[in-house]
Protein backbone atom coordinates (compact mmCIF):
# COMPACT_ATOMS: atom_id res chain seq x y z
CA MET A 1 -0.03 0.04 0.01
CA ALA A 2 2.92 2.29 0.71
CA LYS A 3 4.18 1.82 -2.86
CA ASN A 4 0.75 2.77 -4.22
CA THR A 5 0.68 5.86 -2.05
CA LEU A 6 4.07 6.91 -3.25
CA SER A 7 3.09 6.40 -6.80
CA TYR A 8 -0.10 8.40 -6.40
CA LYS A 9 1.74 11.32 -4.74
CA LYS A 10 4.17 11.46 -7.73
CA PHE A 11 1.39 11.19 -10.17
CA LYS A 12 -0.68 13.98 -8.41
CA ASN A 13 2.25 16.38 -8.32
CA LEU A 14 3.55 15.85 -11.83
CA LEU A 15 0.45 15.12 -13.82
CA LEU A 16 -1.90 17.90 -12.70
CA PHE A 17 -0.63 20.27 -15.36
CA VAL A 18 -2.39 23.37 -14.25
CA PHE A 19 -2.71 25.23 -10.94
CA LEU A 20 -5.07 28.16 -10.25
CA ILE A 21 -3.99 31.36 -8.62
CA ILE A 22 -6.89 33.49 -7.59
CA GLY A 23 -6.61 36.87 -6.08
CA TYR A 24 -6.98 40.64 -6.54
CA PRO A 25 -5.12 42.47 -9.38
CA ILE A 26 -2.62 45.11 -8.42
CA ASN A 27 -3.01 47.13 -11.65
CA ILE A 28 -6.32 46.31 -13.18
CA TYR A 29 -6.12 48.37 -16.38
CA SER A 30 -2.46 48.07 -17.30
CA PHE A 31 -2.35 47.35 -21.07
CA THR A 32 0.06 47.89 -23.96
CA CYS A 33 -0.29 46.94 -27.66
CA PHE A 34 2.38 46.32 -30.21
CA GLN A 35 2.22 45.67 -33.96
CA ASP A 36 3.69 43.39 -36.61
CA SER A 37 7.50 43.68 -36.79
CA THR A 38 7.85 41.38 -39.84
CA ASP A 39 9.41 43.38 -42.63
CA SER A 40 8.87 40.83 -45.43
CA ILE A 41 6.33 38.13 -46.03
CA ASN A 42 7.84 34.99 -47.51
CA TYR A 43 4.82 32.64 -47.08
CA ASP A 44 1.41 32.07 -48.50
CA GLU A 45 -1.73 31.77 -46.35
CA TYR A 46 -4.33 29.00 -46.99
CA LYS A 47 -7.71 29.35 -45.23
CA GLY A 48 -10.62 26.93 -44.92
CA TYR A 49 -13.33 25.22 -42.81
CA ILE A 50 -13.74 21.55 -42.18
CA PHE A 51 -17.11 19.88 -41.74
CA ASP A 52 -18.72 16.39 -41.44
CA LEU A 53 -19.99 15.26 -44.71
CA GLU A 54 -23.29 13.94 -43.32
CA THR A 55 -24.15 16.35 -40.51
CA ASN A 56 -22.44 19.39 -41.98
CA LYS A 57 -21.19 20.12 -38.37
CA PRO A 58 -17.77 21.83 -38.01
CA LEU A 59 -14.99 19.59 -36.83
CA ALA A 60 -12.67 20.79 -34.11
CA SER A 61 -8.99 19.66 -33.60
CA VAL A 62 -8.54 18.33 -37.12
CA THR A 63 -4.97 18.01 -38.27
CA ILE A 64 -3.82 19.71 -41.46
CA SER A 65 -0.36 18.84 -42.51
CA VAL A 66 1.76 19.70 -45.50
CA LYS A 67 2.68 16.40 -47.15
CA GLU A 68 6.34 15.21 -46.79
CA THR A 69 7.01 18.08 -44.28
CA ASN A 70 6.52 18.64 -40.61
CA ILE A 71 4.47 21.85 -41.13
CA SER A 72 0.91 21.50 -39.66
CA THR A 73 -1.88 23.20 -37.85
CA ILE A 74 -5.25 22.28 -36.46
CA THR A 75 -8.81 23.59 -36.75
CA ASN A 76 -10.48 25.62 -33.94
CA ASP A 77 -13.83 24.74 -32.37
CA GLU A 78 -15.63 26.22 -35.42
CA GLY A 79 -13.71 23.94 -37.85
CA GLU A 80 -11.65 27.01 -39.08
CA PHE A 81 -7.91 26.87 -39.97
CA LEU A 82 -5.31 29.15 -41.42
CA LEU A 83 -2.19 27.42 -42.76
CA LYS A 84 1.01 29.42 -43.53
CA VAL A 85 3.31 27.65 -46.03
CA PRO A 86 6.64 29.04 -47.52
CA LYS A 87 6.13 30.41 -51.07
CA ASP A 88 8.61 27.86 -52.52
CA MET A 89 6.22 25.09 -51.38
CA ALA A 90 3.13 26.38 -53.34
CA ASP A 91 3.03 23.07 -55.36
CA SER A 92 2.66 20.95 -52.32
CA LYS A 93 -0.38 19.04 -51.08
CA ILE A 94 -2.02 18.97 -47.62
CA ILE A 95 -3.33 15.89 -45.71
CA ILE A 96 -6.39 16.39 -43.57
CA SER A 97 -6.90 13.70 -40.88
CA HIS A 98 -9.15 13.27 -37.83
CA LEU A 99 -10.29 10.65 -35.46
CA GLY A 100 -13.01 8.45 -37.05
CA TYR A 101 -12.83 9.98 -40.56
CA ARG A 102 -11.14 9.16 -43.77
CA ASP A 103 -7.98 11.11 -44.73
CA LYS A 104 -8.29 13.65 -47.48
CA THR A 105 -5.48 15.07 -49.63
CA ILE A 106 -5.85 18.36 -51.37
CA ALA A 107 -3.47 20.41 -53.46
CA LEU A 108 -2.66 23.95 -52.18
CA SER A 109 -3.42 25.19 -55.62
CA GLU A 110 -7.15 24.29 -55.08
CA PHE A 111 -7.36 27.18 -52.63
CA ASN A 112 -6.73 29.55 -55.50
CA GLY A 113 -6.64 32.54 -53.06
CA GLY A 114 -10.08 31.77 -51.67
CA VAL A 115 -11.56 30.00 -48.62
CA LEU A 116 -12.23 26.17 -49.04
CA LYS A 117 -15.03 24.27 -47.38
CA ILE A 118 -13.88 20.85 -46.91
CA LYS A 119 -15.97 17.82 -45.93
CA LEU A 120 -14.71 14.59 -44.36
CA GLU A 121 -16.42 11.23 -44.57
CA VAL A 122 -16.84 8.98 -41.56
CA SER A 123 -14.75 5.99 -41.69
CA ILE A 124 -16.35 2.68 -40.42
CA THR A 125 -14.12 -0.23 -39.60
CA GLU A 126 -14.38 -3.65 -37.95
CA LEU A 127 -11.20 -4.94 -36.45
CA SER A 128 -10.38 -8.53 -35.57
CA GLU A 129 -9.66 -9.69 -31.96
CA ILE A 130 -6.43 -8.50 -30.31
CA THR A 131 -3.66 -10.76 -31.35
CA ILE A 132 -0.83 -10.05 -28.82
CA GLY A 133 -1.01 -13.37 -27.07
CA SER A 134 -4.10 -12.81 -25.15
CA LYS A 135 -7.40 -10.88 -25.15
CA ASP A 136 -6.50 -9.14 -21.92
CA PRO A 137 -6.68 -5.30 -22.25
CA GLU A 138 -3.92 -4.94 -19.64
CA ALA A 139 -1.58 -6.93 -21.83
CA LEU A 140 -2.21 -4.40 -24.58
CA ILE A 141 -1.24 -1.38 -22.67
CA ARG A 142 1.86 -3.09 -21.36
CA ALA A 143 2.82 -3.89 -24.99
CA VAL A 144 2.27 -0.23 -25.96
CA ILE A 145 4.75 0.90 -23.27
CA LYS A 146 7.28 -1.94 -24.18
CA LYS A 147 7.35 -0.77 -27.82
CA LYS A 148 7.85 2.91 -27.00
CA GLY A 149 11.48 2.89 -28.16
CA SER A 150 10.64 1.64 -31.70
CA ASN A 151 7.36 3.62 -32.15
CA TYR A 152 8.31 7.19 -31.10
CA LEU A 153 10.95 9.68 -32.06
CA ASN A 154 14.47 8.50 -31.24
CA ASP A 155 16.20 11.91 -32.30
CA ASN A 156 16.76 15.02 -30.57
CA VAL A 157 14.52 17.67 -32.21
CA VAL A 158 13.57 21.39 -31.89
CA MET A 159 9.81 21.93 -32.24
CA THR A 160 8.01 25.17 -32.87
CA ALA A 161 4.63 25.27 -31.07
CA PHE A 162 1.71 27.66 -30.70
CA TYR A 163 0.25 27.97 -27.23
CA ARG A 164 -3.14 29.58 -26.15
CA GLU A 165 -5.01 29.82 -22.83
CA THR A 166 -8.36 31.47 -22.33
CA ILE A 167 -10.60 32.16 -19.45
CA LYS A 168 -14.42 32.55 -19.86
CA LYS A 169 -16.87 33.98 -17.27
CA ARG A 170 -19.78 31.92 -18.12
CA ARG A 171 -20.14 32.48 -21.84
CA THR A 172 -18.02 35.62 -22.12
CA TYR A 173 -14.23 35.62 -22.87
CA VAL A 174 -12.50 37.71 -20.24
CA SER A 175 -8.89 36.78 -20.68
CA LEU A 176 -6.75 35.49 -23.60
CA SER A 177 -2.92 34.79 -23.63
CA GLU A 178 -0.90 33.31 -26.59
CA ALA A 179 2.70 32.42 -27.23
CA VAL A 180 5.01 30.94 -29.69
CA VAL A 181 7.53 28.58 -27.94
CA ASP A 182 10.54 26.46 -28.94
CA ILE A 183 10.59 22.93 -27.45
CA TYR A 184 13.96 21.17 -27.25
CA LYS A 185 12.69 17.65 -27.21
CA SER A 186 14.91 14.66 -26.34
CA PRO A 187 14.30 11.10 -27.68
CA TYR A 188 11.37 9.28 -26.15
CA GLU A 189 13.51 6.71 -24.53
CA SER A 190 15.72 9.42 -22.94
CA PRO A 191 15.15 10.25 -19.27
CA LYS A 192 16.03 13.93 -19.95
CA THR A 193 13.19 16.46 -19.45
CA ASP A 194 12.14 18.45 -22.39
CA ILE A 195 13.09 22.18 -22.39
CA ILE A 196 10.87 25.13 -23.48
CA ARG A 197 11.99 28.59 -24.65
CA LEU A 198 9.47 31.42 -24.80
CA PHE A 199 9.80 33.09 -28.17
CA LYS A 200 6.87 35.54 -28.29
CA ALA A 201 3.89 36.13 -26.08
CA ARG A 202 0.87 38.46 -26.10
CA LYS A 203 -2.23 38.82 -24.00
CA SER A 204 -5.56 40.73 -23.56
CA ALA A 205 -7.70 40.75 -20.46
CA ASP A 206 -10.75 42.47 -19.27
CA TYR A 207 -10.31 42.52 -15.56
CA LYS A 208 -13.62 44.46 -15.04
CA LYS A 209 -15.42 41.32 -16.27
CA LEU A 210 -13.59 39.31 -13.69
CA ASP A 211 -15.31 41.31 -10.88
CA THR A 212 -11.90 42.63 -9.72
CA LEU A 213 -10.91 39.04 -9.33
CA THR A 214 -7.81 37.67 -11.13
CA LEU A 215 -7.68 34.09 -12.28
CA LYS A 216 -4.22 33.00 -13.51
CA LEU A 217 -3.00 29.59 -14.86
CA GLN A 218 0.35 28.57 -13.45
CA GLY A 219 2.10 26.11 -15.75
CA GLY A 220 1.78 27.70 -19.19
CA PRO A 221 3.25 25.63 -22.07
CA SER A 222 4.89 23.28 -19.59
CA SER A 223 1.39 22.19 -18.62
CA ALA A 224 0.48 21.22 -22.23
CA LEU A 225 3.79 19.51 -22.69
CA TRP A 226 3.30 17.31 -19.55
CA LEU A 227 0.33 15.66 -21.36
CA ASP A 228 2.91 13.72 -23.46
CA VAL A 229 2.34 10.49 -21.39
CA MET A 230 4.35 8.41 -23.81
CA LYS A 231 7.48 10.57 -22.98
CA LYS A 232 7.09 9.42 -19.26
CA PRO A 233 4.40 6.79 -19.17
CA GLU A 234 5.45 5.88 -15.51
CA LEU A 235 3.61 8.96 -14.41
CA LEU A 236 0.30 7.43 -15.31
CA PHE A 237 0.80 3.87 -16.33
CA THR A 238 3.12 2.47 -13.62
CA GLU A 239 4.28 -1.19 -13.08
CA ASN A 240 1.47 -1.38 -10.51
CA MET A 241 -1.11 0.42 -12.75
CA THR A 242 -3.65 -2.44 -12.48
CA ASN A 243 -3.85 -1.84 -8.81
CA ASN A 244 -5.17 1.68 -9.70
CA TYR A 245 -6.97 1.17 -12.99
CA GLN A 246 -9.46 -1.13 -14.71
CA PHE A 247 -9.00 -1.58 -18.41
CA SER A 248 -11.54 -2.78 -21.05
CA PHE A 249 -11.90 -2.77 -24.92
CA ASP A 250 -14.16 -0.35 -26.73
CA LYS A 251 -15.39 -0.25 -30.37
CA SER A 252 -12.53 0.19 -32.92
CA THR A 253 -12.07 3.24 -35.11
CA LYS A 254 -9.63 4.86 -37.55
CA ILE A 255 -6.99 7.72 -37.47
CA ASN A 256 -5.02 8.70 -40.56
CA ASP A 257 -6.72 5.84 -42.37
CA ARG A 258 -5.05 3.39 -39.85
CA ASP A 259 -7.09 0.83 -37.88
CA ILE A 260 -7.10 1.81 -34.21
CA TYR A 261 -8.02 -0.19 -31.12
CA VAL A 262 -9.80 1.83 -28.38
CA LEU A 263 -8.96 0.99 -24.82
CA ASN A 264 -11.09 2.24 -21.87
CA PHE A 265 -9.59 2.88 -18.40
CA LYS A 266 -10.97 4.01 -15.01
CA GLN A 267 -9.86 3.84 -11.41
CA HIS A 268 -10.98 1.05 -9.25
CA SER A 269 -14.06 1.83 -7.18
CA HIS A 270 -12.26 1.10 -3.86
CA ILE A 271 -9.64 3.81 -4.51
CA LYS A 272 -10.75 7.06 -2.96
CA GLU A 273 -8.08 9.46 -4.20
CA PRO A 274 -8.97 11.39 -7.42
CA LEU A 275 -7.47 9.47 -10.41
CA TYR A 276 -8.41 9.51 -14.09
CA PHE A 277 -10.84 7.82 -16.53
CA GLY A 278 -10.72 7.95 -20.37
CA LYS A 279 -9.81 6.30 -23.62
CA LEU A 280 -6.49 5.31 -25.26
CA TYR A 281 -6.35 5.06 -29.02
CA ILE A 282 -3.70 2.43 -30.18
CA ASP A 283 -2.47 1.73 -33.71
CA SER A 284 -3.45 -1.92 -34.37
CA GLU A 285 -0.30 -2.54 -36.52
CA THR A 286 2.47 -1.02 -34.51
CA LEU A 287 0.84 -0.84 -31.08
CA ALA A 288 1.60 2.84 -30.71
CA MET A 289 -0.67 5.06 -28.71
CA THR A 290 -1.86 7.69 -31.19
CA LYS A 291 -4.23 9.59 -28.94
CA ALA A 292 -5.49 9.81 -25.43
CA THR A 293 -8.49 11.55 -23.86
CA PHE A 294 -9.13 11.48 -20.12
CA SER A 295 -10.75 13.37 -17.15
CA LEU A 296 -10.12 13.67 -13.50
CA ASN A 297 -12.55 11.88 -11.13
CA MET A 298 -14.27 14.78 -9.31
CA ASP A 299 -16.04 12.65 -6.65
CA ASN A 300 -13.63 13.76 -3.79
CA LYS A 301 -14.40 17.58 -4.07
CA GLU A 302 -12.19 18.49 -1.15
CA GLU A 303 -9.18 16.71 -2.43
CA VAL A 304 -9.61 17.99 -6.05
CA SER A 305 -9.75 21.56 -4.67
CA LYS A 306 -6.49 21.05 -2.95
CA MET A 307 -4.87 19.68 -5.96
CA PHE A 308 -5.67 22.58 -8.16
CA VAL A 309 -5.87 25.78 -6.11
CA ARG A 310 -2.63 27.34 -5.06
CA LYS A 311 -3.95 30.66 -3.91
CA LYS A 312 -7.35 32.27 -3.21
CA PRO A 313 -9.07 34.93 -1.11
CA LYS A 314 -10.28 33.88 2.34
CA ASN A 315 -13.93 34.73 1.60
CA ALA A 316 -14.12 32.54 -1.53
CA LYS A 317 -14.75 28.76 -1.87
CA VAL A 318 -13.28 27.46 -5.08
CA GLN A 319 -14.30 24.12 -6.52
CA PRO A 320 -13.15 22.66 -9.82
CA THR A 321 -15.96 20.75 -11.44
CA LEU A 322 -14.26 19.47 -14.57
CA ALA A 323 -10.80 18.69 -15.67
CA SER A 324 -10.29 17.01 -18.99
CA TYR A 325 -7.23 16.37 -21.10
CA THR A 326 -6.50 15.51 -24.78
CA ILE A 327 -3.13 14.44 -26.29
CA ASP A 328 -2.70 13.81 -29.99
CA TYR A 329 0.35 12.21 -31.67
CA ARG A 330 1.42 12.60 -35.32
CA GLN A 331 3.52 10.30 -37.49
CA ASN A 332 6.52 10.96 -39.68
CA ASP A 333 8.63 8.34 -41.38
CA GLY A 334 7.13 5.66 -39.14
CA ARG A 335 7.69 7.52 -35.86
CA TRP A 336 5.18 9.13 -33.73
CA TYR A 337 5.61 12.39 -31.79
CA TYR A 338 3.66 14.94 -29.70
CA GLY A 339 1.40 16.94 -31.93
CA TYR A 340 -1.36 18.58 -29.85
CA GLY A 341 -2.34 18.91 -26.27
CA ARG A 342 -5.48 20.37 -24.72
CA ILE A 343 -6.74 21.00 -21.10
CA ASP A 344 -10.23 22.09 -20.23
CA LEU A 345 -11.18 23.18 -16.66
CA VAL A 346 -14.37 24.41 -15.14
CA VAL A 347 -14.23 26.28 -11.84
CA LYS A 348 -17.06 27.30 -9.57
CA ILE A 349 -16.39 30.15 -7.06
CA ASN A 350 -18.85 30.70 -4.20
CA TRP A 351 -18.46 34.05 -2.24
CA LYS A 352 -19.46 34.46 1.27
CA LYS A 353 -22.65 36.68 1.66
CA LYS A 354 -23.29 36.50 -2.01
CA LEU A 355 -26.39 34.69 -3.40
CA PHE A 356 -25.00 33.55 -6.80
CA ASN A 357 -21.86 31.68 -7.66
CA THR A 358 -19.55 32.48 -10.53
CA ILE A 359 -18.56 29.85 -13.20
CA TYR A 360 -15.24 30.12 -15.09
CA LYS A 361 -14.17 28.01 -17.91
CA LEU A 362 -10.43 27.75 -18.67
CA ASN A 363 -8.79 26.33 -21.66
CA VAL A 364 -5.23 25.51 -22.42
CA GLU A 365 -3.95 24.11 -25.83
CA MET A 366 -0.63 23.80 -27.56
CA ALA A 367 0.03 22.57 -31.10
CA VAL A 368 3.33 21.68 -32.70
CA THR A 369 3.41 23.47 -36.02
CA ASP A 370 6.85 22.49 -37.29
CA TRP A 371 10.00 20.65 -36.11
CA GLU A 372 13.48 19.70 -37.27
CA LYS A 373 16.15 17.32 -36.09
CA ASN A 374 18.70 18.57 -33.60
CA PRO A 375 21.69 16.13 -34.25
CA ASN A 376 24.22 18.16 -32.33
CA ASN A 377 21.82 18.27 -29.35
CA GLU A 378 22.08 21.98 -29.07
CA THR A 379 20.29 23.37 -26.04
CA ILE A 380 19.67 26.71 -24.32
CA LYS A 381 21.14 28.19 -21.17
CA PRO A 382 19.22 27.68 -17.96
CA LYS A 383 18.49 31.42 -17.65
CA ASP A 384 16.70 31.38 -21.08
CA ARG A 385 14.46 28.34 -20.25
CA LEU A 386 10.78 28.78 -19.47
CA ASN A 387 10.15 27.99 -15.84
CA PRO A 388 7.48 25.20 -15.44
CA SER A 389 5.62 27.37 -13.01
CA VAL A 390 5.40 30.37 -15.12
CA VAL A 391 2.24 32.43 -15.59
CA ILE A 392 2.15 33.34 -19.22
CA SER A 393 -0.24 36.29 -18.60
CA ASP A 394 2.42 37.79 -16.45
CA GLU A 395 5.12 37.32 -19.03
CA ALA A 396 3.14 38.92 -21.96
CA SER A 397 2.65 42.64 -22.30
CA GLY A 398 0.14 43.38 -24.96
CA PHE A 399 -1.87 42.15 -28.01
CA SER A 400 -1.76 42.87 -31.76
CA ASP A 401 -3.46 41.54 -34.84
CA PRO A 402 -2.59 38.07 -36.17
CA LYS A 403 0.04 39.38 -38.53
CA PHE A 404 2.19 39.96 -35.40
CA TRP A 405 2.97 36.24 -35.60
CA GLY A 406 4.60 36.55 -38.97
CA GLU A 407 5.23 33.19 -40.71
CA TYR A 408 4.15 31.15 -37.58
CA ASN A 409 1.24 28.93 -37.77
CA VAL A 410 -1.33 29.49 -35.04
CA ILE A 411 -4.84 28.07 -34.19
CA GLU A 412 -7.32 30.48 -35.55
CA PRO A 413 -9.19 32.38 -32.87
CA GLU A 414 -12.95 31.65 -32.57
CA LYS A 415 -15.36 34.46 -33.56
CA PRO A 416 -16.33 35.04 -29.91
CA ILE A 417 -12.68 35.46 -28.96
CA GLU A 418 -12.17 37.97 -31.78
CA SER A 419 -15.16 39.99 -30.66
CA ALA A 420 -13.95 39.83 -27.02
CA ILE A 421 -10.58 41.24 -28.05
CA GLN A 422 -12.09 44.14 -29.95
CA LYS A 423 -14.35 44.90 -26.99
CA ILE A 424 -11.62 44.69 -24.43
CA GLN A 425 -9.36 46.98 -26.45
CA LYS A 426 -12.18 49.54 -26.87
CA GLN A 427 -12.95 49.46 -23.17
CA LEU A 428 -9.25 49.97 -22.15
CA ARG A 429 -8.77 52.78 -24.62
CA ASN A 430 -11.87 54.55 -23.08
CA LEU A 431 -10.43 54.01 -19.57
CA ASN A 432 -7.03 55.54 -20.54
């Protein structure tokens, strides 16, 4: 039992990803704005929307990759994307892939300067029984971990990634922070911790909408990177994982036109500490985990609150009501690597002597948009590394239009976010 407790404490400390700091702002209306510093444009932009062929509903988190390159982006919650590609690659093709759908390949020339509306067809598949020596789902997850060295990147690489965190008060956006970061990633079998460097950051916040309350997310891009459970699977799937989790098979599906086994997991009913439940998506041919979606068990409210809240006012009771996580892996030359991570939190705040509570929704996402090998294992000085406990909204100093990001690929902002930014900027100009 002592070994289980130790494993749980390590798991809880390292796999939480995000902490909340809640307090009163010192300078409520401090705001600066800067503009695009890119002198020349050496890329073309390709914009589109991706929908389900049958329902016509927009598809979120769809991967759009330039064929035979590492350049990629994903769609936002409205199915919208904007892909920036070097001008000398105008003859290339893009591959569009999404869980449960058939891949689609489109030439960049088809955009012809316009906005494409692309529809994906649902992929239906029936897979045979698991053939790894038994029908035991626990044997499958152990095989996944055993084959980590042959399935995932074995090179040092430098990745460029786009990071965004948002805070909504009920349905209204009140805070937005974005960053472009460099990730110095070591091979998946290496015990070395990946390093992050902050390249650019920007923010916009309407503290008036926060009722003079400041919500901050501690962790930043490091939080999203910790979602890479195949880099350090022992944080979640330990040798004693069957003592904590129950595994079972679900209906199979497809990703990137590849057959995928779906494995469910949830904590045993006799365990009282908050652990996780979710689904693992495993390539049937290579036994590589290609995707994971999971959520924190919120039954033990008091313990969950202790796990997330680092600081709060004395007259406020803070209760997280949802914590869900997504990690997507992409493939290149037969090797898988971290492609996209997302964290969604919902927090309820009850104030003493106030009749109504306040609901905040917090979202963190990071997408790798390009990467290259780092054969000489070049690194950065400790003073230039991003601290894992950083608050990005404290590091950023202003907001500008999307051109500020130059040739970097970003996740397109949703229409409500764009409207919120314009409204916030107008209010702050009036205050100044």
